[in-house]
C-alpha atoms as a PDB file:
ATOM      1  CA  MET A   1      -4.359 -63.239   6.710  1.00  0.00           C
ATOM      2  CA  SER A   2      -1.600 -64.961   4.522  1.00  0.00           C
ATOM      3  CA  LYS A   3       1.791 -64.120   4.126  1.00  0.00           C
ATOM      4  CA  LYS A   4       1.508 -62.952   0.170  1.00  0.00           C
ATOM      5  CA  VAL A   5      -2.153 -60.733   1.058  1.00  0.00           C
ATOM      6  CA  LYS A   6       0.396 -58.935   3.888  1.00  0.00           C
ATOM      7  CA  SER A   7       2.809 -58.469   1.395  1.00  0.00           C
ATOM      8  CA  LEU A   8       0.428 -56.852  -1.047  1.00  0.00           C
ATOM      9  CA  ILE A   9      -0.885 -54.481   1.880  1.00  0.00           C
ATOM     10  CA  GLU A  10       2.712 -53.943   2.664  1.00  0.00           C
ATOM     11  CA  ARG A  11       3.524 -52.935  -0.918  1.00  0.00           C
ATOM     12  CA  ASP A  12       0.377 -50.954  -1.313  1.00  0.00           C
ATOM     13  CA  LEU A  13       1.239 -49.344   1.735  1.00  0.00           C
ATOM     14  CA  GLY A  14       4.501 -48.636   1.207  1.00  0.00           C
ATOM     15  CA  ASN A  15       3.598 -46.988  -2.798  1.00  0.00           C
ATOM     16  CA  ARG A  16       0.535 -44.992  -0.498  1.00  0.00           C
ATOM     17  CA  PHE A  17       3.575 -43.195   2.119  1.00  0.00           C
ATOM     18  CA  LYS A  18       6.447 -43.006  -0.731  1.00  0.00           C
ATOM     19  CA  ASP A  19       6.006 -39.586  -0.695  1.00  0.00           C
ATOM     20  CA  ILE A  20       4.705 -38.526   2.024  1.00  0.00           C
ATOM     21  CA  GLU A  21       6.637 -36.529   4.537  1.00  0.00           C
ATOM     22  CA  ALA A  22       4.131 -36.190   7.548  1.00  0.00           C
ATOM     23  CA  VAL A  23       0.756 -37.609   8.538  1.00  0.00           C
ATOM     24  CA  GLY A  24      -1.748 -37.398  11.140  1.00  0.00           C
ATOM     25  CA  VAL A  25      -2.672 -40.285  12.955  1.00  0.00           C
ATOM     26  CA  LEU A  26      -6.230 -40.806  15.044  1.00  0.00           C
ATOM     27  CA  SER A  27      -7.861 -44.040  16.860  1.00  0.00           C
ATOM     28  CA  PRO A  28     -10.914 -45.095  14.759  1.00  0.00           C
ATOM     29  CA  ARG A  29     -13.092 -46.037  17.511  1.00  0.00           C
ATOM     30  CA  GLY A  30     -16.584 -44.744  18.274  1.00  0.00           C
ATOM     31  CA  ILE A  31     -16.386 -43.229  14.783  1.00  0.00           C
ATOM     32  CA  ASN A  32     -19.497 -44.721  12.837  1.00  0.00           C
ATOM     33  CA  GLY A  33     -19.718 -45.059   8.707  1.00  0.00           C
ATOM     34  CA  ASN A  34     -21.970 -41.234   8.558  1.00  0.00           C
ATOM     35  CA  LYS A  35     -18.987 -39.978  10.159  1.00  0.00           C
ATOM     36  CA  ASN A  36     -16.350 -40.984   9.040  1.00  0.00           C
ATOM     37  CA  HIS A  37     -17.674 -40.877   5.625  1.00  0.00           C
ATOM     38  CA  SER A  38     -18.391 -37.312   6.229  1.00  0.00           C
ATOM     39  CA  ILE A  39     -14.066 -36.997   7.688  1.00  0.00           C
ATOM     40  CA  ARG A  40     -12.764 -38.067   4.681  1.00  0.00           C
ATOM     41  CA  LYS A  41     -15.127 -35.868   2.548  1.00  0.00           C
ATOM     42  CA  LYS A  42     -13.397 -33.231   4.159  1.00  0.00           C
ATOM     43  CA  LEU A  43      -9.748 -34.272   4.007  1.00  0.00           C
ATOM     44  CA  HIS A  44     -10.404 -35.122   0.124  1.00  0.00           C
ATOM     45  CA  ALA A  45     -11.682 -31.417  -0.551  1.00  0.00           C
ATOM     46  CA  GLN A  46      -8.366 -30.973   1.177  1.00  0.00           C
ATOM     47  CA  GLY A  47      -6.198 -32.674  -0.680  1.00  0.00           C
ATOM     48  CA  LEU A  48      -5.190 -35.275   2.489  1.00  0.00           C
ATOM     49  CA  ARG A  49      -6.588 -39.186   2.599  1.00  0.00           C
ATOM     50  CA  MET A  50      -7.886 -41.111   5.634  1.00  0.00           C
ATOM     51  CA  THR A  51      -6.388 -44.871   5.865  1.00  0.00           C
ATOM     52  CA  VAL A  52      -7.685 -47.116   8.618  1.00  0.00           C
ATOM     53  CA  VAL A  53      -3.745 -50.013   8.712  1.00  0.00           C
ATOM     54  CA  LYS A  54      -2.611 -52.549  10.347  1.00  0.00           C
ATOM     55  CA  ASN A  55       0.008 -51.709  12.645  1.00  0.00           C
ATOM     56  CA  THR A  56       2.357 -54.054  11.946  1.00  0.00           C
ATOM     57  CA  LEU A  57       2.259 -53.935   8.136  1.00  0.00           C
ATOM     58  CA  ALA A  58       2.322 -49.887   8.466  1.00  0.00           C
ATOM     59  CA  LYS A  59       5.674 -50.480  10.109  1.00  0.00           C
ATOM     60  CA  ARG A  60       7.223 -52.447   7.865  1.00  0.00           C
ATOM     61  CA  ALA A  61       5.744 -50.613   4.739  1.00  0.00           C
ATOM     62  CA  THR A  62       7.928 -47.276   6.205  1.00  0.00           C
ATOM     63  CA  GLU A  63      10.382 -48.940   7.278  1.00  0.00           C
ATOM     64  CA  LYS A  64      13.022 -47.234   4.658  1.00  0.00           C
ATOM     65  CA  SER A  65      10.554 -44.166   3.894  1.00  0.00           C
ATOM     66  CA  LYS A  66      10.695 -40.550   5.336  1.00  0.00           C
ATOM     67  CA  LEU A  67       7.787 -41.558   7.779  1.00  0.00           C
ATOM     68  CA  LYS A  68      10.196 -44.115   9.642  1.00  0.00           C
ATOM     69  CA  GLY A  69       9.452 -44.015  13.341  1.00  0.00           C
ATOM     70  CA  PHE A  70       6.198 -42.401  13.691  1.00  0.00           C
ATOM     71  CA  ASP A  71       4.854 -45.732  14.418  1.00  0.00           C
ATOM     72  CA  ALA A  72       5.108 -45.164  17.103  1.00  0.00           C
ATOM     73  CA  LEU A  73       1.908 -43.380  16.915  1.00  0.00           C
ATOM     74  CA  LEU A  74      -0.229 -46.579  15.854  1.00  0.00           C
ATOM     75  CA  ASP A  75      -1.611 -48.412  19.025  1.00  0.00           C
ATOM     76  CA  GLY A  76      -4.618 -49.975  18.687  1.00  0.00           C
ATOM     77  CA  PRO A  77      -7.579 -49.522  16.113  1.00  0.00           C
ATOM     78  CA  SER A  78      -5.614 -46.462  14.406  1.00  0.00           C
ATOM     79  CA  ALA A  79      -6.394 -44.608  11.108  1.00  0.00           C
ATOM     80  CA  VAL A  80      -3.575 -42.286   8.821  1.00  0.00           C
ATOM     81  CA  VAL A  81      -4.570 -39.208   7.427  1.00  0.00           C
ATOM     82  CA  TYR A  82      -2.400 -37.823   4.407  1.00  0.00           C
ATOM     83  CA  GLY A  83      -1.032 -36.271   2.089  1.00  0.00           C
ATOM     84  CA  LYS A  84       0.127 -33.263  -0.375  1.00  0.00           C
ATOM     85  CA  ALA A  85      -1.038 -30.807   2.557  1.00  0.00           C
ATOM     86  CA  SER A  86       0.845 -29.304   4.482  1.00  0.00           C
ATOM     87  CA  VAL A  87       1.534 -30.559   8.348  1.00  0.00           C
ATOM     88  CA  SER A  88      -0.257 -27.519   9.862  1.00  0.00           C
ATOM     89  CA  THR A  89      -3.808 -28.244   7.469  1.00  0.00           C
ATOM     90  CA  ILE A  90      -3.474 -31.705   8.670  1.00  0.00           C
ATOM     91  CA  ALA A  91      -3.108 -30.329  11.788  1.00  0.00           C
ATOM     92  CA  ARG A  92      -5.953 -28.164  11.654  1.00  0.00           C
ATOM     93  CA  LEU A  93      -8.653 -30.617   9.850  1.00  0.00           C
ATOM     94  CA  LEU A  94      -7.829 -32.872  12.857  1.00  0.00           C
ATOM     95  CA  LEU A  95      -8.552 -30.738  15.733  1.00  0.00           C
ATOM     96  CA  ASP A  96     -11.759 -29.434  13.915  1.00  0.00           C
ATOM     97  CA  GLU A  97     -12.707 -32.297  13.802  1.00  0.00           C
ATOM     98  CA  LYS A  98     -12.205 -33.193  17.494  1.00  0.00           C
ATOM     99  CA  LYS A  99     -14.240 -29.909  18.023  1.00  0.00           C
ATOM    100  CA  ALA A 100     -17.115 -31.195  16.363  1.00  0.00           C
ATOM    101  CA  ASP A 101     -16.841 -34.575  18.303  1.00  0.00           C
ATOM    102  CA  GLU A 102     -15.169 -35.113  21.434  1.00  0.00           C
ATOM    103  CA  LYS A 103     -15.269 -38.873  20.768  1.00  0.00           C
ATOM    104  CA  ILE A 104     -12.405 -38.702  18.333  1.00  0.00           C
ATOM    105  CA  GLU A 105      -8.573 -39.546  19.829  1.00  0.00           C
ATOM    106  CA  LEU A 106      -6.418 -38.024  18.187  1.00  0.00           C
ATOM    107  CA  ARG A 107      -3.024 -39.877  18.306  1.00  0.00           C
ATOM    108  CA  GLY A 108      -0.867 -37.597  17.277  1.00  0.00           C
ATOM    109  CA  ILE A 109       1.477 -35.524  14.423  1.00  0.00           C
ATOM    110  CA  PHE A 110       4.591 -37.036  13.298  1.00  0.00           C
ATOM    111  CA  PHE A 111       7.041 -34.848  10.493  1.00  0.00           C
ATOM    112  CA  ASP A 112      10.958 -34.475  10.044  1.00  0.00           C
ATOM    113  CA  GLY A 113      11.458 -37.388  12.348  1.00  0.00           C
ATOM    114  CA  GLU A 114       9.798 -36.032  15.735  1.00  0.00           C
ATOM    115  CA  ILE A 115       6.260 -37.435  16.967  1.00  0.00           C
ATOM    116  CA  TYR A 116       4.175 -34.615  18.352  1.00  0.00           C
ATOM    117  CA  ALA A 117       1.656 -36.377  20.845  1.00  0.00           C
ATOM    118  CA  GLY A 118      -1.462 -35.803  21.563  1.00  0.00           C
ATOM    119  CA  ASP A 119      -4.014 -33.391  21.458  1.00  0.00           C
ATOM    120  CA  LYS A 120      -1.472 -31.458  22.702  1.00  0.00           C
ATOM    121  CA  GLY A 121       1.226 -32.427  19.888  1.00  0.00           C
ATOM    122  CA  VAL A 122      -1.763 -31.641  16.829  1.00  0.00           C
ATOM    123  CA  GLU A 123      -2.701 -28.381  18.301  1.00  0.00           C
ATOM    124  CA  THR A 124       0.907 -27.165  18.747  1.00  0.00           C
ATOM    125  CA  VAL A 125       0.948 -28.354  15.139  1.00  0.00           C
ATOM    126  CA  SER A 126      -1.946 -26.162  13.969  1.00  0.00           C
ATOM    127  CA  LYS A 127      -0.370 -22.963  15.255  1.00  0.00           C
ATOM    128  CA  LEU A 128       2.877 -23.266  13.150  1.00  0.00           C
ATOM    129  CA  PRO A 129       2.190 -21.586   9.041  1.00  0.00           C
ATOM    130  CA  THR A 130       1.993 -22.919   6.388  1.00  0.00           C
ATOM    131  CA  ARG A 131       3.581 -23.774   3.098  1.00  0.00           C
ATOM    132  CA  GLU A 132       1.908 -20.143   2.215  1.00  0.00           C
ATOM    133  CA  GLU A 133       1.685 -18.632   4.862  1.00  0.00           C
ATOM    134  CA  GLY A 134       5.737 -19.302   5.543  1.00  0.00           C
ATOM    135  CA  ILE A 135       6.535 -17.699   1.845  1.00  0.00           C
ATOM    136  CA  GLY A 136       4.658 -14.837   2.580  1.00  0.00           C
ATOM    137  CA  GLN A 137       6.264 -13.679   6.563  1.00  0.00           C
ATOM    138  CA  ILE A 138       9.790 -14.905   4.314  1.00  0.00           C
ATOM    139  CA  LEU A 139       9.347 -12.558   1.711  1.00  0.00           C
ATOM    140  CA  ALA A 140       7.371  -9.914   4.085  1.00  0.00           C
ATOM    141  CA  ALA A 141      10.904  -9.910   5.959  1.00  0.00           C
ATOM    142  CA  LEU A 142      13.115  -9.180   3.110  1.00  0.00           C
ATOM    143  CA  LEU A 143      11.394  -6.331   2.144  1.00  0.00           C
ATOM    144  CA  GLY A 144      10.647  -4.888   4.783  1.00  0.00           C
ATOM    145  CA  PRO A 145      14.393  -3.569   5.059  1.00  0.00           C
ATOM    146  CA  ALA A 146      14.433  -3.050   1.951  1.00  0.00           C
ATOM    147  CA  SER A 147      11.546  -0.771   0.965  1.00  0.00           C
ATOM    148  CA  SER A 148      12.974   1.442   4.436  1.00  0.00           C
ATOM    149  CA  ILE A 149      16.516   1.463   2.609  1.00  0.00           C
ATOM    150  CA  VAL A 150      14.470   2.881   0.000  1.00  0.00           C
ATOM    151  CA  SER A 151      12.702   5.397   1.611  1.00  0.00           C
ATOM    152  CA  ALA A 152      15.612   6.606   3.501  1.00  0.00           C
ATOM    153  CA  ILE A 153      17.775   7.227  -0.159  1.00  0.00           C
ATOM    154  CA  SER A 154      15.208   8.712  -1.880  1.00  0.00           C
ATOM    155  CA  GLY A 155      14.035  10.714   0.747  1.00  0.00           C
ATOM    156  CA  PRO A 156      16.330  13.548   1.231  1.00  0.00           C
ATOM    157  CA  GLY A 157      15.927  14.156  -2.573  1.00  0.00           C
ATOM    158  CA  ALA A 158      12.761  14.263  -2.726  1.00  0.00           C
ATOM    159  CA  THR A 159      13.111  16.882  -0.297  1.00  0.00           C
ATOM    160  CA  LEU A 160      15.614  18.317  -2.347  1.00  0.00           C
ATOM    161  CA  GLY A 161      13.349  17.891  -5.745  1.00  0.00           C
ATOM    162  CA  SER A 162      10.558  19.705  -3.993  1.00  0.00           C
ATOM    163  CA  LEU A 163      12.448  22.635  -2.859  1.00  0.00           C
ATOM    164  CA  LEU A 164      14.083  23.094  -6.024  1.00  0.00           C
ATOM    165  CA  LYS A 165      10.288  23.422  -7.358  1.00  0.00           C
ATOM    166  CA  ALA A 166       9.223  25.623  -5.450  1.00  0.00           C
ATOM    167  CA  ILE A 167      12.441  28.005  -6.368  1.00  0.00           C
ATOM    168  CA  GLU A 168      11.583  27.901  -9.924  1.00  0.00           C
ATOM    169  CA  GLU A 169       8.238  28.291  -9.415  1.00  0.00           C
ATOM    170  CA  ARG A 170       8.713  31.357  -6.985  1.00  0.00           C
ATOM    171  CA  ALA A 171      10.904  32.434 -10.032  1.00  0.00           C
ATOM    172  CA  GLU A 172       8.674  31.718 -12.522  1.00  0.00           C
ATOM    173  CA  LYS A 173       5.911  34.426 -10.703  1.00  0.00           C
ATOM    174  CA  SER A 174       7.510  36.818 -10.041  1.00  0.00           C
ATOM    175  CA  GLY A 175       7.760  37.238 -14.367  1.00  0.00           C
ATOM    176  CA  GLY A 176      11.659  37.115 -13.844  1.00  0.00           C
ATOM    177  CA  ALA A 177      12.236  39.610 -11.856  1.00  0.00           C
ATOM    178  CA  GLY A 178      15.531  38.881  -9.550  1.00  0.00           C
ATOM    179  CA  ALA A 179      16.478  35.822 -11.750  1.00  0.00           C
ATOM    180  CA  ALA A 180      19.623  35.118 -12.828  1.00  0.00           C
ATOM    181  CA  PRO A 181      20.728  36.835 -16.595  1.00  0.00           C
ATOM    182  CA  GLU A 182      21.286  33.923 -19.353  1.00  0.00           C
ATOM    183  CA  GLY A 183      24.467  32.085 -19.038  1.00  0.00           C
ATOM    184  CA  ALA A 184      24.684  33.253 -15.422  1.00  0.00           C
ATOM    185  CA  PRO A 185      24.291  30.096 -13.012  1.00  0.00           C
ATOM    186  CA  ALA A 186      21.169  29.979 -10.517  1.00  0.00           C
ATOM    187  CA  ALA A 187      21.718  30.190  -7.277  1.00  0.00           C
END
C-alpha cells in the first residue's frame, strides 16, 4: 500500500473517530459474510458502526484524539465498534453477539482513558448505566429526600387541618348548640 493511500485511510479514520469517546474492539476472525452483515445491521439500528482497521493506521489516526491509548486492544485483525451511543450500549450489544456466536473474540472496551480487556472487561462495562439510566438515578436520588421533607412538613399541617374540619362539621351538625356566640372567638 502506498504512502498516499495510507495517509488517505489514516485521515478517514481520524475523521470517523474525531468526536468518539468510547470504542469496542473485537476480532473479525471466524465471522462469515452473513454474520458480519447481521452484526452491522444490529449495530446500525442502535446508531453504531463497525470498521475493520489496519492497526498501525488506527493508532496514528487516534494519536491526537480522545481515543489515544486504545491501540493496546489492537492485536491482529481488529474491528472497531463506535458511535454516539453510550459505552454500556456498545458493551451490551457485543455481549449479545458473543452469546449468539461463541466464535466471536471480544478484545475489550476503551473509554475515558481506560481499557477494559477481554470478555470480563466488556461484561463489567455492560453493567454500567447508560446516560439516560444515570440521569434517572440522579433524579431519583435528588427527589427522594425532597419528597420526604415535603411529606414531613405537610403531614402535621394536614392533621391539624383535618381536626379543624372535624370540629367545624360537628359544630354544624349540632345546629350551633354549644357554638360560640357571634363575635366571640371559637374554641
